[in-house]
């Protein structure tokens, strides 16, 4: 006997889960919020670029978010580098020097201290951790005046050391390297190197540093931004204008408009500010693949 073919009912189409519809709605809302944040972030930069292309009169007589009649960006850049005997170049060189010594030294010290705190057990470790967290919460401006009084007693105000020494200790950078060292450097590798007779400094520079490179770049970029944008500390520490960083120099140009007989150079202030942020943007673009991976450190527990 031939069995009759079995007729199966057509599969009923399942409705799309509600979670999928909710996810799509969230995606639209997230896109809208991200777009608003992007506009909020880029609008000041757009204003800076547009305003840097205007003359002094054009800044005060035209709409801020559109170009004026005369495109004066090239002329403004040339005048920035020649105004007051080219002092802007001196300020730029001072800033690069402060960043190389201050931010570079802060990154090295943070890496050494963070690695040591993460990989070595000692008494008072939790107390040190509490002090670091407390230092992260203290704004740098709150420590500027006590630092000035201390440096005045030591006689090093109005010197480059008055700017460099406070820049060597950035608590957030230390905390970042501590967290990164805990997850990025396996204890087994360190123990194997010690068994082979390697010293602690050799282990750090030969084994730990390559593993810490994303965290090092992230900490370095953070320290560079903090040092490059430092204004209040040099403002109270320095009197010699030839020692000014670029932030304080531009600030003094802006303050000239409030003094009797002072030059009003708002076009140079804006153009100088535009030129000052170009190195920071270039650094972020060149090193983005490192610091983006470093930002995720500690987000997943092994």
C-alpha atoms as a PDB file:
ATOM      1  CA  UNK A   1       0.000   0.000   0.000  1.00  0.00           C
ATOM      2  CA  UNK A   2       1.147   3.487  -0.823  1.00  0.00           C
ATOM      3  CA  UNK A   3       0.744   5.849   2.066  1.00  0.00           C
ATOM      4  CA  UNK A   4      -1.034   9.079   1.386  1.00  0.00           C
ATOM      5  CA  UNK A   5       1.217  12.108   1.326  1.00  0.00           C
ATOM      6  CA  UNK A   6       1.201  14.070   4.479  1.00  0.00           C
ATOM      7  CA  UNK A   7       0.050  17.628   3.977  1.00  0.00           C
ATOM      8  CA  UNK A   8       1.654  19.964   6.434  1.00  0.00           C
ATOM      9  CA  UNK A   9      -0.057  23.234   7.229  1.00  0.00           C
ATOM     10  CA  UNK A  10       1.726  26.322   6.003  1.00  0.00           C
ATOM     11  CA  UNK A  11       4.002  27.804   8.557  1.00  0.00           C
ATOM     12  CA  UNK A  12       2.357  30.718  10.227  1.00  0.00           C
ATOM     13  CA  UNK A  13       4.354  33.877   9.829  1.00  0.00           C
ATOM     14  CA  UNK A  14       5.500  35.057  13.194  1.00  0.00           C
ATOM     15  CA  UNK A  15       5.054  38.753  13.941  1.00  0.00           C
ATOM     16  CA  UNK A  16       8.218  40.758  14.319  1.00  0.00           C
ATOM     17  CA  UNK A  17       9.252  40.869  17.960  1.00  0.00           C
ATOM     18  CA  UNK A  18       8.554  44.092  19.775  1.00  0.00           C
ATOM     19  CA  UNK A  19      12.199  44.327  20.796  1.00  0.00           C
ATOM     20  CA  UNK A  20      13.203  44.789  17.152  1.00  0.00           C
ATOM     21  CA  UNK A  21      10.757  47.652  16.704  1.00  0.00           C
ATOM     22  CA  UNK A  22      11.961  49.240  19.927  1.00  0.00           C
ATOM     23  CA  UNK A  23      15.573  48.882  18.809  1.00  0.00           C
ATOM     24  CA  UNK A  24      14.753  50.703  15.568  1.00  0.00           C
ATOM     25  CA  UNK A  25      13.056  53.495  17.493  1.00  0.00           C
ATOM     26  CA  UNK A  26      16.040  53.782  19.793  1.00  0.00           C
ATOM     27  CA  UNK A  27      18.327  53.923  16.774  1.00  0.00           C
ATOM     28  CA  UNK A  28      16.462  56.947  15.394  1.00  0.00           C
ATOM     29  CA  UNK A  29      16.526  58.694  18.735  1.00  0.00           C
ATOM     30  CA  UNK A  30      20.208  57.916  19.167  1.00  0.00           C
ATOM     31  CA  UNK A  31      20.926  59.265  15.694  1.00  0.00           C
ATOM     32  CA  UNK A  32      19.074  62.468  16.492  1.00  0.00           C
ATOM     33  CA  UNK A  33      20.902  62.940  19.782  1.00  0.00           C
ATOM     34  CA  UNK A  34      24.253  62.205  18.143  1.00  0.00           C
ATOM     35  CA  UNK A  35      23.492  64.700  15.367  1.00  0.00           C
ATOM     36  CA  UNK A  36      22.662  67.396  17.902  1.00  0.00           C
ATOM     37  CA  UNK A  37      25.860  66.676  19.824  1.00  0.00           C
ATOM     38  CA  UNK A  38      27.855  66.803  16.589  1.00  0.00           C
ATOM     39  CA  UNK A  39      26.383  70.189  15.706  1.00  0.00           C
ATOM     40  CA  UNK A  40      26.994  71.434  19.245  1.00  0.00           C
ATOM     41  CA  UNK A  41      30.625  70.304  19.021  1.00  0.00           C
ATOM     42  CA  UNK A  42      31.406  71.529  15.503  1.00  0.00           C
ATOM     43  CA  UNK A  43      29.576  74.852  15.688  1.00  0.00           C
ATOM     44  CA  UNK A  44      32.301  76.645  17.715  1.00  0.00           C
ATOM     45  CA  UNK A  45      34.956  75.241  15.369  1.00  0.00           C
ATOM     46  CA  UNK A  46      33.001  76.446  12.342  1.00  0.00           C
ATOM     47  CA  UNK A  47      32.673  79.895  13.923  1.00  0.00           C
ATOM     48  CA  UNK A  48      36.423  79.941  14.604  1.00  0.00           C
ATOM     49  CA  UNK A  49      37.320  79.047  11.009  1.00  0.00           C
ATOM     50  CA  UNK A  50      34.858  81.547   9.536  1.00  0.00           C
ATOM     51  CA  UNK A  51      35.875  84.353  11.895  1.00  0.00           C
ATOM     52  CA  UNK A  52      39.572  83.768  11.209  1.00  0.00           C
ATOM     53  CA  UNK A  53      38.911  84.675   7.575  1.00  0.00           C
ATOM     54  CA  UNK A  54      37.584  88.146   8.437  1.00  0.00           C
ATOM     55  CA  UNK A  55      39.258  91.457   8.984  1.00  0.00           C
ATOM     56  CA  UNK A  56      39.017  93.363  12.245  1.00  0.00           C
ATOM     57  CA  UNK A  57      36.132  95.469  10.885  1.00  0.00           C
ATOM     58  CA  UNK A  58      34.455  92.425   9.351  1.00  0.00           C
ATOM     59  CA  UNK A  59      34.303  90.681  12.721  1.00  0.00           C
ATOM     60  CA  UNK A  60      32.116  93.435  14.128  1.00  0.00           C
ATOM     61  CA  UNK A  61      29.988  94.202  11.068  1.00  0.00           C
ATOM     62  CA  UNK A  62      29.052  90.779   9.631  1.00  0.00           C
ATOM     63  CA  UNK A  63      27.128  87.705  10.757  1.00  0.00           C
ATOM     64  CA  UNK A  64      29.291  85.454  12.879  1.00  0.00           C
ATOM     65  CA  UNK A  65      28.478  82.179  11.109  1.00  0.00           C
ATOM     66  CA  UNK A  66      29.052  83.390   7.570  1.00  0.00           C
ATOM     67  CA  UNK A  67      31.990  84.783   5.656  1.00  0.00           C
ATOM     68  CA  UNK A  68      32.532  88.496   5.253  1.00  0.00           C
ATOM     69  CA  UNK A  69      33.257  90.459   2.111  1.00  0.00           C
ATOM     70  CA  UNK A  70      37.044  90.107   2.190  1.00  0.00           C
ATOM     71  CA  UNK A  71      38.707  86.728   2.701  1.00  0.00           C
ATOM     72  CA  UNK A  72      41.589  87.714   4.982  1.00  0.00           C
ATOM     73  CA  UNK A  73      42.718  84.368   6.392  1.00  0.00           C
ATOM     74  CA  UNK A  74      46.131  84.414   4.707  1.00  0.00           C
ATOM     75  CA  UNK A  75      46.717  88.026   5.733  1.00  0.00           C
ATOM     76  CA  UNK A  76      45.684  87.271   9.315  1.00  0.00           C
ATOM     77  CA  UNK A  77      48.051  84.298   9.511  1.00  0.00           C
ATOM     78  CA  UNK A  78      50.918  86.410   8.227  1.00  0.00           C
ATOM     79  CA  UNK A  79      50.145  89.163  10.720  1.00  0.00           C
ATOM     80  CA  UNK A  80      49.953  86.654  13.609  1.00  0.00           C
ATOM     81  CA  UNK A  81      53.508  85.537  12.915  1.00  0.00           C
ATOM     82  CA  UNK A  82      54.851  89.092  12.552  1.00  0.00           C
ATOM     83  CA  UNK A  83      52.912  91.006  15.227  1.00  0.00           C
ATOM     84  CA  UNK A  84      55.073  92.224  18.130  1.00  0.00           C
ATOM     85  CA  UNK A  85      58.275  91.039  16.452  1.00  0.00           C
ATOM     86  CA  UNK A  86      56.975  87.516  15.904  1.00  0.00           C
ATOM     87  CA  UNK A  87      56.349  86.746  19.579  1.00  0.00           C
ATOM     88  CA  UNK A  88      53.710  84.181  18.580  1.00  0.00           C
ATOM     89  CA  UNK A  89      56.398  81.823  17.299  1.00  0.00           C
ATOM     90  CA  UNK A  90      58.198  82.137  20.639  1.00  0.00           C
ATOM     91  CA  UNK A  91      54.997  81.285  22.496  1.00  0.00           C
ATOM     92  CA  UNK A  92      54.422  78.318  20.198  1.00  0.00           C
ATOM     93  CA  UNK A  93      57.947  77.056  20.831  1.00  0.00           C
ATOM     94  CA  UNK A  94      57.482  77.467  24.591  1.00  0.00           C
ATOM     95  CA  UNK A  95      54.271  75.444  24.453  1.00  0.00           C
ATOM     96  CA  UNK A  96      55.932  72.637  22.511  1.00  0.00           C
ATOM     97  CA  UNK A  97      58.761  72.613  25.074  1.00  0.00           C
ATOM     98  CA  UNK A  98      56.332  72.477  28.006  1.00  0.00           C
ATOM     99  CA  UNK A  99      54.419  69.642  26.316  1.00  0.00           C
ATOM    100  CA  UNK A 100      57.512  67.591  25.513  1.00  0.00           C
ATOM    101  CA  UNK A 101      58.934  67.847  29.037  1.00  0.00           C
ATOM    102  CA  UNK A 102      55.737  68.134  31.083  1.00  0.00           C
ATOM    103  CA  UNK A 103      53.339  65.830  29.228  1.00  0.00           C
ATOM    104  CA  UNK A 104      56.075  63.382  28.243  1.00  0.00           C
ATOM    105  CA  UNK A 105      57.408  63.225  31.795  1.00  0.00           C
ATOM    106  CA  UNK A 106      53.896  62.902  33.229  1.00  0.00           C
ATOM    107  CA  UNK A 107      53.184  59.969  30.916  1.00  0.00           C
ATOM    108  CA  UNK A 108      56.402  58.190  31.883  1.00  0.00           C
ATOM    109  CA  UNK A 109      55.845  58.731  35.605  1.00  0.00           C
ATOM    110  CA  UNK A 110      52.215  57.644  35.323  1.00  0.00           C
ATOM    111  CA  UNK A 111      53.220  54.473  33.507  1.00  0.00           C
ATOM    112  CA  UNK A 112      55.874  53.601  36.083  1.00  0.00           C
ATOM    113  CA  UNK A 113      53.652  54.376  39.064  1.00  0.00           C
ATOM    114  CA  UNK A 114      50.526  52.758  37.591  1.00  0.00           C
ATOM    115  CA  UNK A 115      52.426  49.599  36.674  1.00  0.00           C
ATOM    116  CA  UNK A 116      54.002  49.418  40.121  1.00  0.00           C
ATOM    117  CA  UNK A 117      50.707  49.896  41.913  1.00  0.00           C
ATOM    118  CA  UNK A 118      48.986  47.296  39.715  1.00  0.00           C
ATOM    119  CA  UNK A 119      51.629  44.565  39.848  1.00  0.00           C
ATOM    120  CA  UNK A 120      53.285  44.898  43.261  1.00  0.00           C
ATOM    121  CA  UNK A 121      51.584  44.205  46.592  1.00  0.00           C
ATOM    122  CA  UNK A 122      52.623  46.387  49.533  1.00  0.00           C
ATOM    123  CA  UNK A 123      51.180  47.879  52.688  1.00  0.00           C
ATOM    124  CA  UNK A 124      49.120  51.008  52.226  1.00  0.00           C
ATOM    125  CA  UNK A 125      48.112  50.154  48.673  1.00  0.00           C
ATOM    126  CA  UNK A 126      44.438  50.891  49.319  1.00  0.00           C
ATOM    127  CA  UNK A 127      45.360  54.184  50.979  1.00  0.00           C
ATOM    128  CA  UNK A 128      47.354  55.199  47.912  1.00  0.00           C
ATOM    129  CA  UNK A 129      44.378  54.284  45.740  1.00  0.00           C
ATOM    130  CA  UNK A 130      42.100  56.487  47.860  1.00  0.00           C
ATOM    131  CA  UNK A 131      44.550  59.396  47.651  1.00  0.00           C
ATOM    132  CA  UNK A 132      44.712  59.102  43.858  1.00  0.00           C
ATOM    133  CA  UNK A 133      40.927  59.064  43.524  1.00  0.00           C
ATOM    134  CA  UNK A 134      40.731  62.092  45.788  1.00  0.00           C
ATOM    135  CA  UNK A 135      43.365  63.900  43.730  1.00  0.00           C
ATOM    136  CA  UNK A 136      41.385  63.213  40.543  1.00  0.00           C
ATOM    137  CA  UNK A 137      38.386  64.994  42.080  1.00  0.00           C
ATOM    138  CA  UNK A 138      40.378  68.119  43.034  1.00  0.00           C
ATOM    139  CA  UNK A 139      40.364  70.768  40.257  1.00  0.00           C
ATOM    140  CA  UNK A 140      43.856  72.007  39.302  1.00  0.00           C
ATOM    141  CA  UNK A 141      42.840  75.636  39.846  1.00  0.00           C
ATOM    142  CA  UNK A 142      42.309  74.887  43.551  1.00  0.00           C
ATOM    143  CA  UNK A 143      45.983  73.935  43.854  1.00  0.00           C
ATOM    144  CA  UNK A 144      47.375  76.790  41.765  1.00  0.00           C
ATOM    145  CA  UNK A 145      47.641  79.370  44.561  1.00  0.00           C
ATOM    146  CA  UNK A 146      49.220  76.987  47.134  1.00  0.00           C
ATOM    147  CA  UNK A 147      51.653  75.879  44.434  1.00  0.00           C
ATOM    148  CA  UNK A 148      52.533  79.499  43.704  1.00  0.00           C
ATOM    149  CA  UNK A 149      53.221  80.213  47.380  1.00  0.00           C
ATOM    150  CA  UNK A 150      55.411  77.109  47.617  1.00  0.00           C
ATOM    151  CA  UNK A 151      57.364  77.972  44.475  1.00  0.00           C
ATOM    152  CA  UNK A 152      57.753  81.584  45.629  1.00  0.00           C
ATOM    153  CA  UNK A 153      59.479  80.302  48.782  1.00  0.00           C
ATOM    154  CA  UNK A 154      61.725  78.163  46.603  1.00  0.00           C
ATOM    155  CA  UNK A 155      62.485  81.065  44.262  1.00  0.00           C
ATOM    156  CA  UNK A 156      61.496  79.337  41.029  1.00  0.00           C
ATOM    157  CA  UNK A 157      58.523  81.470  40.000  1.00  0.00           C
ATOM    158  CA  UNK A 158      58.821  83.163  36.613  1.00  0.00           C
ATOM    159  CA  UNK A 159      60.882  80.224  35.333  1.00  0.00           C
ATOM    160  CA  UNK A 160      60.047  77.305  33.059  1.00  0.00           C
ATOM    161  CA  UNK A 161      60.163  74.977  36.071  1.00  0.00           C
ATOM    162  CA  UNK A 162      57.146  76.716  37.575  1.00  0.00           C
ATOM    163  CA  UNK A 163      55.124  75.360  34.643  1.00  0.00           C
ATOM    164  CA  UNK A 164      56.889  72.037  34.082  1.00  0.00           C
ATOM    165  CA  UNK A 165      57.008  70.657  37.646  1.00  0.00           C
ATOM    166  CA  UNK A 166      53.220  70.798  38.304  1.00  0.00           C
ATOM    167  CA  UNK A 167      52.636  69.274  34.856  1.00  0.00           C
ATOM    168  CA  UNK A 168      54.612  66.158  35.765  1.00  0.00           C
ATOM    169  CA  UNK A 169      51.890  64.856  38.082  1.00  0.00           C
ATOM    170  CA  UNK A 170      48.438  64.342  36.552  1.00  0.00           C
ATOM    171  CA  UNK A 171      46.303  62.097  38.822  1.00  0.00           C
ATOM    172  CA  UNK A 172      43.881  60.951  36.136  1.00  0.00           C
ATOM    173  CA  UNK A 173      46.765  59.790  33.945  1.00  0.00           C
ATOM    174  CA  UNK A 174      48.149  57.770  36.850  1.00  0.00           C
ATOM    175  CA  UNK A 175      44.752  56.215  37.542  1.00  0.00           C
ATOM    176  CA  UNK A 176      44.326  55.352  33.857  1.00  0.00           C
ATOM    177  CA  UNK A 177      47.693  53.590  33.689  1.00  0.00           C
ATOM    178  CA  UNK A 178      46.939  51.735  36.926  1.00  0.00           C
ATOM    179  CA  UNK A 179      43.691  50.325  35.515  1.00  0.00           C
ATOM    180  CA  UNK A 180      45.264  49.544  32.156  1.00  0.00           C
ATOM    181  CA  UNK A 181      48.266  47.785  33.694  1.00  0.00           C
ATOM    182  CA  UNK A 182      45.993  45.569  35.780  1.00  0.00           C
ATOM    183  CA  UNK A 183      44.292  44.094  32.697  1.00  0.00           C
ATOM    184  CA  UNK A 184      46.852  44.442  29.917  1.00  0.00           C
ATOM    185  CA  UNK A 185      49.931  42.862  31.514  1.00  0.00           C
ATOM    186  CA  UNK A 186      49.458  39.185  32.498  1.00  0.00           C
ATOM    187  CA  UNK A 187      51.127  38.143  35.723  1.00  0.00           C
ATOM    188  CA  UNK A 188      52.315  34.907  34.108  1.00  0.00           C
ATOM    189  CA  UNK A 189      54.557  36.809  31.682  1.00  0.00           C
ATOM    190  CA  UNK A 190      56.126  38.754  34.528  1.00  0.00           C
ATOM    191  CA  UNK A 191      56.767  35.617  36.555  1.00  0.00           C
ATOM    192  CA  UNK A 192      58.362  33.883  33.573  1.00  0.00           C
ATOM    193  CA  UNK A 193      60.673  36.836  33.006  1.00  0.00           C
ATOM    194  CA  UNK A 194      61.671  36.872  36.667  1.00  0.00           C
ATOM    195  CA  UNK A 195      62.436  33.163  36.550  1.00  0.00           C
ATOM    196  CA  UNK A 196      64.709  33.820  33.556  1.00  0.00           C
ATOM    197  CA  UNK A 197      66.606  36.366  35.654  1.00  0.00           C
ATOM    198  CA  UNK A 198      65.328  39.612  34.129  1.00  0.00           C
ATOM    199  CA  UNK A 199      65.335  42.689  36.348  1.00  0.00           C
ATOM    200  CA  UNK A 200      62.235  44.719  37.088  1.00  0.00           C
ATOM    201  CA  UNK A 201      63.183  47.680  34.901  1.00  0.00           C
ATOM    202  CA  UNK A 202      64.062  45.374  32.002  1.00  0.00           C
ATOM    203  CA  UNK A 203      60.739  43.601  32.416  1.00  0.00           C
ATOM    204  CA  UNK A 204      58.914  46.914  32.391  1.00  0.00           C
ATOM    205  CA  UNK A 205      60.589  48.429  29.330  1.00  0.00           C
ATOM    206  CA  UNK A 206      60.928  45.181  27.328  1.00  0.00           C
ATOM    207  CA  UNK A 207      57.661  43.410  28.128  1.00  0.00           C
ATOM    208  CA  UNK A 208      55.213  45.751  29.813  1.00  0.00           C
ATOM    209  CA  UNK A 209      55.646  48.859  27.649  1.00  0.00           C
ATOM    210  CA  UNK A 210      54.681  47.121  24.355  1.00  0.00           C
ATOM    211  CA  UNK A 211      51.574  45.720  26.041  1.00  0.00           C
ATOM    212  CA  UNK A 212      50.762  49.119  27.527  1.00  0.00           C
ATOM    213  CA  UNK A 213      51.136  51.057  24.263  1.00  0.00           C
ATOM    214  CA  UNK A 214      47.387  51.798  23.768  1.00  0.00           C
ATOM    215  CA  UNK A 215      47.105  53.042  27.344  1.00  0.00           C
ATOM    216  CA  UNK A 216      50.333  55.022  27.028  1.00  0.00           C
ATOM    217  CA  UNK A 217      49.078  56.798  23.914  1.00  0.00           C
ATOM    218  CA  UNK A 218      45.734  57.548  25.575  1.00  0.00           C
ATOM    219  CA  UNK A 219      47.453  58.951  28.660  1.00  0.00           C
ATOM    220  CA  UNK A 220      49.902  60.888  26.493  1.00  0.00           C
ATOM    221  CA  UNK A 221      47.138  62.536  24.476  1.00  0.00           C
ATOM    222  CA  UNK A 222      45.269  63.451  27.642  1.00  0.00           C
ATOM    223  CA  UNK A 223      48.425  64.928  29.179  1.00  0.00           C
ATOM    224  CA  UNK A 224      49.238  66.814  25.975  1.00  0.00           C
ATOM    225  CA  UNK A 225      45.776  68.406  25.915  1.00  0.00           C
ATOM    226  CA  UNK A 226      45.987  69.365  29.603  1.00  0.00           C
ATOM    227  CA  UNK A 227      49.461  70.882  29.231  1.00  0.00           C
ATOM    228  CA  UNK A 228      48.752  72.565  25.892  1.00  0.00           C
ATOM    229  CA  UNK A 229      45.587  74.240  27.210  1.00  0.00           C
ATOM    230  CA  UNK A 230      47.113  75.212  30.558  1.00  0.00           C
ATOM    231  CA  UNK A 231      46.328  78.877  31.255  1.00  0.00           C
ATOM    232  CA  UNK A 232      45.702  79.618  34.920  1.00  0.00           C
ATOM    233  CA  UNK A 233      48.960  78.201  36.262  1.00  0.00           C
ATOM    234  CA  UNK A 234      51.220  80.142  33.836  1.00  0.00           C
ATOM    235  CA  UNK A 235      49.076  83.212  34.443  1.00  0.00           C
ATOM    236  CA  UNK A 236      50.015  83.349  38.123  1.00  0.00           C
ATOM    237  CA  UNK A 237      53.517  81.906  37.760  1.00  0.00           C
ATOM    238  CA  UNK A 238      55.027  83.852  34.856  1.00  0.00           C
ATOM    239  CA  UNK A 239      55.806  87.547  34.367  1.00  0.00           C
ATOM    240  CA  UNK A 240      58.297  87.336  31.515  1.00  0.00           C
ATOM    241  CA  UNK A 241      56.266  87.360  28.287  1.00  0.00           C
ATOM    242  CA  UNK A 242      59.045  85.448  26.531  1.00  0.00           C
ATOM    243  CA  UNK A 243      58.209  82.444  28.745  1.00  0.00           C
ATOM    244  CA  UNK A 244      54.469  82.507  28.034  1.00  0.00           C
ATOM    245  CA  UNK A 245      52.763  79.455  26.516  1.00  0.00           C
ATOM    246  CA  UNK A 246      50.516  80.075  23.573  1.00  0.00           C
ATOM    247  CA  UNK A 247      47.331  80.159  25.672  1.00  0.00           C
ATOM    248  CA  UNK A 248      48.595  82.924  27.931  1.00  0.00           C
ATOM    249  CA  UNK A 249      50.016  84.849  24.985  1.00  0.00           C
ATOM    250  CA  UNK A 250      46.680  84.880  23.163  1.00  0.00           C
ATOM    251  CA  UNK A 251      45.007  85.863  26.424  1.00  0.00           C
ATOM    252  CA  UNK A 252      47.265  88.917  26.729  1.00  0.00           C
ATOM    253  CA  UNK A 253      46.441  89.927  23.145  1.00  0.00           C
ATOM    254  CA  UNK A 254      42.757  89.737  23.982  1.00  0.00           C
ATOM    255  CA  UNK A 255      43.242  91.808  27.151  1.00  0.00           C
ATOM    256  CA  UNK A 256      44.877  94.633  25.166  1.00  0.00           C
ATOM    257  CA  UNK A 257      41.441  95.838  24.103  1.00  0.00           C
ATOM    258  CA  UNK A 258      40.621  96.630  27.758  1.00  0.00           C
ATOM    259  CA  UNK A 259      43.657  98.828  28.371  1.00  0.00           C
ATOM    260  CA  UNK A 260      43.973 102.512  27.538  1.00  0.00           C
ATOM    261  CA  UNK A 261      45.753 102.886  24.218  1.00  0.00           C
ATOM    262  CA  UNK A 262      45.994  99.111  23.702  1.00  0.00           C
ATOM    263  CA  UNK A 263      45.747  97.539  20.265  1.00  0.00           C
ATOM    264  CA  UNK A 264      42.448  95.890  19.401  1.00  0.00           C
ATOM    265  CA  UNK A 265      43.500  92.720  17.559  1.00  0.00           C
ATOM    266  CA  UNK A 266      40.527  90.412  17.812  1.00  0.00           C
ATOM    267  CA  UNK A 267      41.269  89.079  14.330  1.00  0.00           C
ATOM    268  CA  UNK A 268      44.726  88.007  15.497  1.00  0.00           C
ATOM    269  CA  UNK A 269      43.306  86.475  18.686  1.00  0.00           C
ATOM    270  CA  UNK A 270      40.886  84.333  16.678  1.00  0.00           C
ATOM    271  CA  UNK A 271      43.412  83.380  14.010  1.00  0.00           C
ATOM    272  CA  UNK A 272      46.030  82.565  16.653  1.00  0.00           C
ATOM    273  CA  UNK A 273      43.494  80.361  18.447  1.00  0.00           C
ATOM    274  CA  UNK A 274      42.761  78.520  15.199  1.00  0.00           C
ATOM    275  CA  UNK A 275      46.450  77.890  14.590  1.00  0.00           C
ATOM    276  CA  UNK A 276      46.886  76.736  18.192  1.00  0.00           C
ATOM    277  CA  UNK A 277      44.392  73.876  17.910  1.00  0.00           C
ATOM    278  CA  UNK A 278      45.765  72.454  14.652  1.00  0.00           C
ATOM    279  CA  UNK A 279      48.574  70.447  16.370  1.00  0.00           C
ATOM    280  CA  UNK A 280      46.060  68.907  18.795  1.00  0.00           C
ATOM    281  CA  UNK A 281      43.721  67.870  15.980  1.00  0.00           C
ATOM    282  CA  UNK A 282      46.639  66.389  14.052  1.00  0.00           C
ATOM    283  CA  UNK A 283      47.792  64.422  17.101  1.00  0.00           C
ATOM    284  CA  UNK A 284      44.333  62.936  17.650  1.00  0.00           C
ATOM    285  CA  UNK A 285      43.935  61.981  14.000  1.00  0.00           C
ATOM    286  CA  UNK A 286      47.368  60.367  13.771  1.00  0.00           C
ATOM    287  CA  UNK A 287      47.051  58.394  17.016  1.00  0.00           C
ATOM    288  CA  UNK A 288      43.322  57.657  17.031  1.00  0.00           C
ATOM    289  CA  UNK A 289      43.692  53.898  16.484  1.00  0.00           C
ATOM    290  CA  UNK A 290      45.722  53.684  19.700  1.00  0.00           C
ATOM    291  CA  UNK A 291      43.700  55.884  22.010  1.00  0.00           C
ATOM    292  CA  UNK A 292      40.346  54.471  20.869  1.00  0.00           C
ATOM    293  CA  UNK A 293      41.433  51.008  21.969  1.00  0.00           C
ATOM    294  CA  UNK A 294      42.815  52.455  25.193  1.00  0.00           C
ATOM    295  CA  UNK A 295      39.494  54.071  26.099  1.00  0.00           C
ATOM    296  CA  UNK A 296      37.853  50.646  26.428  1.00  0.00           C
ATOM    297  CA  UNK A 297      40.289  49.389  29.048  1.00  0.00           C
ATOM    298  CA  UNK A 298      38.622  47.971  32.139  1.00  0.00           C
ATOM    299  CA  UNK A 299      35.172  47.914  30.514  1.00  0.00           C
ATOM    300  CA  UNK A 300      35.134  44.085  30.309  1.00  0.00           C
ATOM    301  CA  UNK A 301      36.026  41.907  33.267  1.00  0.00           C
ATOM    302  CA  UNK A 302      38.138  38.900  32.327  1.00  0.00           C
END
